Amino acid sequence: MDTPFTPASLRDDARPEVVPTGVVCRACEYELGGLLTDGYCPECGLPIQASMRGDALVLAEPAWLGRLQRGAWAVVWTTLAWLGIRAAGGPGIALLSQGSSTLIASLVLKVVLTGLSLWFLLGIWNLTTPEHDLKPRGRQLIYAVRILMISGVVLNVVQRFGTLSRAPKVPGGMLAYDWLDEFLAAAGWAVLMFHLTQLARRGGAAKMSNSAWITGWFIAVSLGVAIVTLLIGVLVALAVVPGTPGGLLMAILGCWGAVVIPIALIFALILVGQFAHRLDLVRHRAAAIRSHQRFWPEAK
């Protein structure tokens, strides 16, 4: 079992020292050499202590860690609830409803699924919250996760209410937007795993970090295979590549998208749950450090 990083003891009565040359601000990369350790970055205002102490999660603000934890749990529970309701809702409506009541039950199901989707996005937003409301490095991953997840969920909601039911079709009779939301969501999960890789490393969870990295690449490669197979199937339907078994290729795509990628996403969901559980311990340790020692100067 991985052991969270525990910082060395910090003295309350220690006089501020001069920052050595070569130390840069974690938020904006401003050179801090020559400044006092109890001051603030003159470029962005981040406490210099944050750059001096390192990036271990146990040294981060407990409030920020709590937000990450709430976001992670929201992602886990909304995804499980969405999958359960999606799997049981359709057959349940077919068995228990008839006539006009079927339309009402179907609408209620769509509204519930939409609510879960919005709650999921709120969890993603919290889980990808930057540590500082300034200009920290690594926001590219955060923005990528948010854009991909929001795009996938919005497109899925629009499809659910039938707005795209008359969308243009590609050869073979498949709607042009049929799988786009799933591709976007899978890409979002892949990037989320890379973001989780960084957070788990900062939390001292090397095994979790490695697992998230492998899972992220597996999802990305699987998604690439699915897209390539889809494109080949379209070319076959257009007779651009004559003689190729297009039906077999589409069957491979269906199996890949229905089996391999969902299994990878289940592993990703498990990793998010494990990270949320670990954050509980890290957050309590971070709060204990701050309650006993002067760690972080008061904000300006």
Protein backbone atom coordinates (compact mmCIF):
# COMPACT_ATOMS: atom_id res chain seq x y z
CA MET A 1 0.00 0.00 0.00
CA ASP A 2 1.37 3.42 -0.92
CA THR A 3 2.21 5.80 1.91
CA PRO A 4 1.27 9.48 1.46
CA PHE A 5 4.14 11.92 1.50
CA THR A 6 4.74 13.42 4.96
CA PRO A 7 6.64 16.74 5.07
CA ALA A 8 9.47 17.52 7.43
CA SER A 9 8.63 19.50 10.55
CA LEU A 10 8.18 23.23 10.05
CA ARG A 11 9.12 25.72 12.78
CA ASP A 12 6.76 28.55 13.68
CA ASP A 13 9.56 30.73 15.07
CA ALA A 14 11.91 30.38 12.12
CA ARG A 15 12.93 33.65 10.53
CA PRO A 16 12.19 34.04 6.83
CA GLU A 17 15.07 33.06 4.63
CA VAL A 18 16.12 34.13 1.16
CA VAL A 19 14.89 31.98 -1.71
CA PRO A 20 17.82 30.32 -3.52
CA THR A 21 18.47 31.15 -7.16
CA GLY A 22 16.70 28.83 -9.58
CA VAL A 23 13.43 28.44 -7.64
CA VAL A 24 10.49 29.49 -9.80
CA CYS A 25 6.86 30.13 -8.94
CA ARG A 26 4.64 27.07 -9.38
CA ALA A 27 1.86 29.21 -10.82
CA CYS A 28 3.55 31.55 -13.31
CA GLU A 29 7.22 30.35 -13.36
CA TYR A 30 8.52 33.73 -12.19
CA GLU A 31 12.09 33.58 -10.83
CA LEU A 32 11.84 33.82 -7.02
CA GLY A 33 15.56 33.84 -6.22
CA GLY A 34 16.52 36.57 -3.76
CA LEU A 35 13.02 37.07 -2.30
CA LEU A 36 12.02 36.20 1.27
CA THR A 37 10.39 32.82 1.82
CA ASP A 38 7.42 34.28 3.73
CA GLY A 39 6.45 36.63 0.92
CA TYR A 40 4.45 36.38 -2.26
CA CYS A 41 5.27 36.06 -5.92
CA PRO A 42 5.46 39.62 -7.31
CA GLU A 43 4.07 38.42 -10.64
CA CYS A 44 0.93 36.52 -9.64
CA GLY A 45 0.64 36.80 -5.84
CA LEU A 46 1.02 33.09 -5.01
CA PRO A 47 2.61 32.54 -1.55
CA ILE A 48 6.27 31.65 -2.04
CA GLN A 49 5.82 28.84 0.49
CA ALA A 50 3.74 26.99 -2.09
CA SER A 51 6.68 26.90 -4.48
CA MET A 52 9.21 26.11 -1.74
CA ARG A 53 7.36 23.17 -0.19
CA GLY A 54 6.78 21.17 -3.36
CA ASP A 55 3.61 19.93 -5.02
CA ALA A 56 2.62 17.02 -2.75
CA LEU A 57 -1.14 16.92 -2.22
CA VAL A 58 -0.67 16.64 1.54
CA LEU A 59 0.75 20.19 1.43
CA ALA A 60 -2.18 21.59 -0.54
CA GLU A 61 -5.17 23.49 0.80
CA PRO A 62 -7.68 21.13 2.49
CA ALA A 63 -10.58 23.06 0.94
CA TRP A 64 -9.24 22.39 -2.56
CA LEU A 65 -8.66 18.72 -1.75
CA GLY A 66 -12.22 18.48 -0.47
CA ARG A 67 -13.51 19.92 -3.73
CA LEU A 68 -11.52 17.35 -5.71
CA GLN A 69 -12.95 14.59 -3.52
CA ARG A 70 -16.54 15.76 -3.94
CA GLY A 71 -16.01 15.95 -7.68
CA ALA A 72 -14.53 12.45 -7.85
CA TRP A 73 -17.38 10.90 -5.86
CA ALA A 74 -19.94 12.78 -7.98
CA VAL A 75 -18.38 11.34 -11.15
CA VAL A 76 -18.49 7.82 -9.71
CA TRP A 77 -22.04 7.82 -8.36
CA THR A 78 -23.65 9.70 -11.25
CA THR A 79 -22.00 7.38 -13.77
CA LEU A 80 -23.18 4.27 -11.91
CA ALA A 81 -26.69 5.69 -11.52
CA TRP A 82 -26.80 6.72 -15.18
CA LEU A 83 -25.74 3.27 -16.34
CA GLY A 84 -28.22 1.53 -14.03
CA ILE A 85 -31.17 3.70 -15.01
CA ARG A 86 -30.25 3.55 -18.69
CA ALA A 87 -30.09 -0.27 -18.56
CA ALA A 88 -33.29 -0.78 -16.57
CA GLY A 89 -35.34 2.23 -17.64
CA GLY A 90 -36.15 1.20 -21.19
CA PRO A 91 -37.25 -2.39 -20.42
CA GLY A 92 -39.11 -1.18 -17.34
CA ILE A 93 -41.13 1.32 -19.35
CA ALA A 94 -41.91 -1.31 -21.96
CA LEU A 95 -43.19 -3.75 -19.32
CA LEU A 96 -45.07 -1.44 -17.01
CA SER A 97 -46.47 1.22 -19.31
CA GLN A 98 -48.82 1.32 -22.23
CA GLY A 99 -50.46 3.93 -24.39
CA SER A 100 -50.04 7.58 -23.45
CA SER A 101 -48.46 6.72 -20.10
CA THR A 102 -45.51 5.28 -22.02
CA LEU A 103 -44.71 8.71 -23.45
CA ILE A 104 -44.87 10.30 -20.00
CA ALA A 105 -42.65 7.61 -18.47
CA SER A 106 -40.19 7.98 -21.35
CA LEU A 107 -40.04 11.74 -20.86
CA VAL A 108 -39.45 11.32 -17.12
CA LEU A 109 -36.62 8.89 -17.88
CA LYS A 110 -35.03 11.39 -20.25
CA VAL A 111 -35.29 14.18 -17.68
CA VAL A 112 -33.73 12.01 -14.95
CA LEU A 113 -30.87 10.98 -17.23
CA THR A 114 -30.32 14.61 -18.20
CA GLY A 115 -30.19 15.63 -14.53
CA LEU A 116 -27.60 12.94 -13.85
CA SER A 117 -25.59 14.12 -16.85
CA LEU A 118 -25.53 17.69 -15.52
CA TRP A 119 -24.53 16.45 -12.06
CA PHE A 120 -21.77 14.43 -13.71
CA LEU A 121 -20.48 17.57 -15.43
CA LEU A 122 -20.48 19.39 -12.09
CA GLY A 123 -18.36 16.57 -10.67
CA ILE A 124 -15.96 16.81 -13.61
CA TRP A 125 -15.72 20.56 -13.09
CA ASN A 126 -14.83 20.12 -9.41
CA LEU A 127 -12.37 17.30 -10.10
CA THR A 128 -10.53 19.46 -12.64
CA THR A 129 -10.48 22.61 -10.51
CA PRO A 130 -7.01 24.24 -10.65
CA GLU A 131 -5.19 24.37 -7.34
CA HIS A 132 -4.81 28.15 -7.56
CA ASP A 133 -7.10 30.66 -9.21
CA LEU A 134 -4.12 32.14 -10.98
CA LYS A 135 -2.09 30.77 -13.88
CA PRO A 136 -0.87 27.30 -12.87
CA ARG A 137 0.85 25.03 -15.33
CA GLY A 138 -0.96 21.99 -16.67
CA ARG A 139 -4.28 23.67 -17.45
CA GLN A 140 -4.20 22.18 -20.94
CA LEU A 141 -5.34 18.82 -19.54
CA ILE A 142 -8.02 20.48 -17.44
CA TYR A 143 -9.43 22.41 -20.39
CA ALA A 144 -9.30 19.31 -22.61
CA VAL A 145 -11.25 17.21 -20.07
CA ARG A 146 -13.90 19.88 -19.61
CA ILE A 147 -14.36 20.60 -23.32
CA LEU A 148 -14.59 16.93 -24.31
CA MET A 149 -16.94 15.96 -21.48
CA ILE A 150 -19.23 18.95 -21.93
CA SER A 151 -19.37 18.40 -25.70
CA GLY A 152 -20.17 14.70 -25.30
CA VAL A 153 -22.85 15.23 -22.66
CA VAL A 154 -24.54 18.11 -24.51
CA LEU A 155 -24.63 16.12 -27.75
CA ASN A 156 -26.00 13.10 -25.90
CA VAL A 157 -28.75 15.20 -24.30
CA VAL A 158 -29.67 16.75 -27.65
CA GLN A 159 -29.84 13.29 -29.22
CA ARG A 160 -31.91 11.98 -26.32
CA PHE A 161 -34.67 14.51 -26.97
CA GLY A 162 -34.70 13.67 -30.68
CA THR A 163 -33.42 16.94 -32.11
CA LEU A 164 -30.97 15.08 -34.35
CA SER A 165 -33.34 12.34 -35.42
CA ARG A 166 -33.33 13.75 -38.94
CA ALA A 167 -29.60 14.39 -39.08
CA PRO A 168 -27.81 13.61 -42.36
CA LYS A 169 -26.75 10.00 -42.77
CA VAL A 170 -23.48 8.54 -43.92
CA PRO A 171 -23.41 5.62 -46.35
CA GLY A 172 -24.75 2.48 -44.78
CA GLY A 173 -27.71 4.21 -43.11
CA MET A 174 -25.88 5.24 -39.92
CA LEU A 175 -26.62 8.68 -38.50
CA ALA A 176 -23.66 11.02 -38.78
CA TYR A 177 -23.94 11.86 -35.06
CA ASP A 178 -24.76 8.39 -33.77
CA TRP A 179 -21.44 7.72 -32.06
CA LEU A 180 -19.91 11.17 -31.90
CA ASP A 181 -21.03 11.75 -28.31
CA GLU A 182 -19.56 8.39 -27.27
CA PHE A 183 -16.27 9.18 -29.01
CA LEU A 184 -16.09 12.56 -27.28
CA ALA A 185 -16.90 11.03 -23.88
CA ALA A 186 -14.29 8.27 -24.33
CA ALA A 187 -11.69 10.86 -25.31
CA GLY A 188 -12.66 12.88 -22.23
CA TRP A 189 -12.15 9.83 -20.00
CA ALA A 190 -8.73 9.21 -21.56
CA VAL A 191 -7.59 12.77 -20.84
CA LEU A 192 -9.13 12.56 -17.35
CA MET A 193 -6.91 9.54 -16.67
CA PHE A 194 -3.83 11.59 -17.62
CA HIS A 195 -5.00 14.32 -15.23
CA LEU A 196 -5.53 11.69 -12.53
CA THR A 197 -2.02 10.40 -13.22
CA GLN A 198 -0.58 13.74 -12.11
CA LEU A 199 -2.84 14.04 -9.06
CA ALA A 200 -2.12 10.48 -7.89
CA ARG A 201 1.62 11.07 -8.23
CA ARG A 202 1.30 14.18 -6.07
CA GLY A 203 -0.67 12.11 -3.57
CA GLY A 204 2.14 9.57 -3.21
CA ALA A 205 0.14 6.82 -4.98
CA ALA A 206 2.66 5.56 -7.52
CA LYS A 207 0.71 2.41 -8.43
CA MET A 208 -2.49 4.37 -8.93
CA SER A 209 -0.63 6.92 -11.04
CA ASN A 210 0.83 4.21 -13.27
CA SER A 211 -2.55 2.46 -13.58
CA ALA A 212 -4.25 5.72 -14.59
CA TRP A 213 -1.55 6.40 -17.18
CA ILE A 214 -1.91 2.92 -18.71
CA THR A 215 -5.71 3.14 -18.66
CA GLY A 216 -5.64 6.54 -20.33
CA TRP A 217 -3.45 5.32 -23.17
CA PHE A 218 -5.51 2.13 -23.55
CA ILE A 219 -8.70 4.16 -23.93
CA ALA A 220 -6.99 6.53 -26.37
CA VAL A 221 -5.63 3.67 -28.51
CA SER A 222 -8.96 1.82 -28.41
CA LEU A 223 -10.74 4.97 -29.50
CA GLY A 224 -8.27 5.40 -32.34
CA VAL A 225 -8.88 1.83 -33.51
CA ALA A 226 -12.65 2.41 -33.44
CA ILE A 227 -12.37 5.63 -35.45
CA VAL A 228 -10.06 4.06 -38.05
CA THR A 229 -12.40 1.08 -38.41
CA LEU A 230 -15.38 3.42 -38.82
CA LEU A 231 -13.60 5.42 -41.52
CA ILE A 232 -12.66 2.23 -43.38
CA GLY A 233 -16.27 1.07 -43.16
CA VAL A 234 -17.45 4.38 -44.65
CA LEU A 235 -14.92 4.11 -47.47
CA VAL A 236 -16.08 0.58 -48.17
CA ALA A 237 -19.69 1.75 -48.31
CA LEU A 238 -18.64 4.43 -50.79
CA ALA A 239 -16.92 1.76 -52.90
CA VAL A 240 -13.63 3.66 -52.54
CA VAL A 241 -11.97 0.45 -51.36
CA PRO A 242 -13.72 -2.24 -53.38
CA GLY A 243 -13.52 -5.86 -52.39
CA THR A 244 -13.09 -5.22 -48.66
CA PRO A 245 -15.54 -6.99 -46.32
CA GLY A 246 -17.30 -3.85 -45.07
CA GLY A 247 -19.85 -5.75 -43.02
CA LEU A 248 -17.08 -7.54 -41.13
CA LEU A 249 -15.32 -4.26 -40.42
CA MET A 250 -18.50 -2.71 -39.03
CA ALA A 251 -19.05 -5.82 -36.89
CA ILE A 252 -15.52 -5.44 -35.52
CA LEU A 253 -16.21 -1.80 -34.78
CA GLY A 254 -19.45 -2.71 -33.00
CA CYS A 255 -17.74 -5.33 -30.83
CA TRP A 256 -14.84 -3.04 -30.07
CA GLY A 257 -17.07 -0.14 -29.15
CA ALA A 258 -19.51 -2.30 -27.17
CA VAL A 259 -17.00 -4.44 -25.26
CA VAL A 260 -13.41 -3.21 -25.18
CA ILE A 261 -13.97 0.52 -24.60
CA PRO A 262 -16.68 0.03 -21.91
CA ILE A 263 -14.39 -2.37 -20.02
CA ALA A 264 -11.61 0.24 -20.13
CA LEU A 265 -14.05 2.91 -18.91
CA ILE A 266 -15.05 0.68 -15.98
CA PHE A 267 -11.39 0.47 -14.95
CA ALA A 268 -11.19 4.27 -15.26
CA LEU A 269 -14.25 4.66 -13.04
CA ILE A 270 -12.71 2.33 -10.43
CA LEU A 271 -9.53 4.44 -10.43
CA VAL A 272 -11.54 7.62 -9.87
CA GLY A 273 -13.28 5.97 -6.89
CA GLN A 274 -9.95 4.81 -5.45
CA PHE A 275 -8.55 8.31 -5.82
CA ALA A 276 -11.59 9.81 -4.06
CA HIS A 277 -11.10 7.37 -1.18
CA ARG A 278 -7.41 8.23 -0.93
CA LEU A 279 -8.16 11.95 -0.92
CA ASP A 280 -10.02 11.50 2.36
CA LEU A 281 -6.79 10.48 4.11
CA VAL A 282 -4.70 13.11 2.32
CA ARG A 283 -7.17 15.88 3.17
CA HIS A 284 -7.18 15.01 6.88
CA ARG A 285 -3.38 14.97 6.97
CA ALA A 286 -3.23 18.31 5.19
CA ALA A 287 -5.64 19.79 7.74
CA ALA A 288 -3.56 18.39 10.61
CA ILE A 289 -0.38 19.95 9.21
CA ARG A 290 -1.98 23.35 8.92
CA SER A 291 -3.58 23.21 12.35
CA HIS A 292 -0.27 22.56 14.13
CA GLN A 293 2.26 24.52 12.12
CA ARG A 294 2.56 27.74 10.25
CA PHE A 295 2.60 26.40 6.72
CA TRP A 296 0.87 28.90 4.49
CA PRO A 297 0.98 32.70 4.83
CA GLU A 298 -2.38 34.39 4.95
CA ALA A 299 -3.66 35.48 1.54
CA LYS A 300 -3.23 39.10 0.64
